[in-house]
């Protein structure tokens, strides 16, 4: 917990302590925009689209300034096994922005977003696993938390945007489709590894109320985006006979991973009740709350697209309900952010790490 004094020099300190997971704000806003587009709510979709892209540009600028002025703080975060996976929110946010741009006809900008996201993903992937291998001193699963699964979200977001821009690549479309099929499988493999460690951590070791954070919802969000990526592969043109043969496998795995994500929702609600109602821990804003909003929005989008692929209308009803649940959650968390920013610029403020 850092305390900032009410003077001009101290106001730069919140930038030094800025959590890399703040890009989840863009992820949450963007996916709800996509969800409203699916539900034929164009006005709300456009408003959230503008908000998401604006937030993305502002966070990119702030992150660049932080990298230049407080490079040591960025290095500490990158070498922290509890923090490094939060940087994958940049990957997912960039891909979500690319999807919003592509939906509105900005094809070249969407392609640029995919290239940028893929480059950052490659760098972060090997850095994060190197940190886990060489710099982790706590040799047990107590360091595992839901935020690690943001790496899966980032991986599957590359599938979503890659499949969208593939038809615009002409003769190179087949290369992109092979790439996104591999990324989808890789994301599932990572999910299997991390969720096994995560379940062992929460079900078989001592769990304290402070261990419960909104990042737990990424377990469901990673499953939802994997299901959404699977339906994207099913609904698109594979461009290759070999990939066409994978459709039955993708079909079955997509339904299974969607069901797994659905199972987690009541469990995560129970965790929240146990923390805030039974143990009386207060609700307060932190950047990780956006990591709760994003899974709700992604679950709505995944349900809608799976219902379309399976021609099963009840999934559309679930999607319609969940998009409004996600929007209400978005409004509440945005209110918390506004209150924190008001306190920051009005006077002294306590800023948590958001981990």
Foldseek 3Di string as FASTA:
>chain_A
DDWFFFDDVRLCVCLLLPALLLLLLLLLLLLLLVLVVLVVNPVSSVVSLVVSVVVLVVVVVSVVVNCVPVVVSVVVQCLDLLRLLSNLSNLLSLLSNLVSCVVVPNLVSSVVSLVVSVVVLVVSVVSNVCSVVPVDPPPALLSADLSNLSNLSSLLSSLVSLLSNLVVPPPCSLVSLVVSVVSLVVSVVVLVVRVVSVCCNPPPDDDDLVRQDLSNLSNLLSLLSSLQSLLSNLPGDNVDPVSVVCNVVSLVVSVVSLVVSVVCPVVSVVSVCCNCPVVPDDDAAASSLSVNLSSLSSNLSSLSSNCVSVVPCVSPVVSVVSSVVSVVSSVVNVVRVVVQVCPSNVGMHDHDSRD
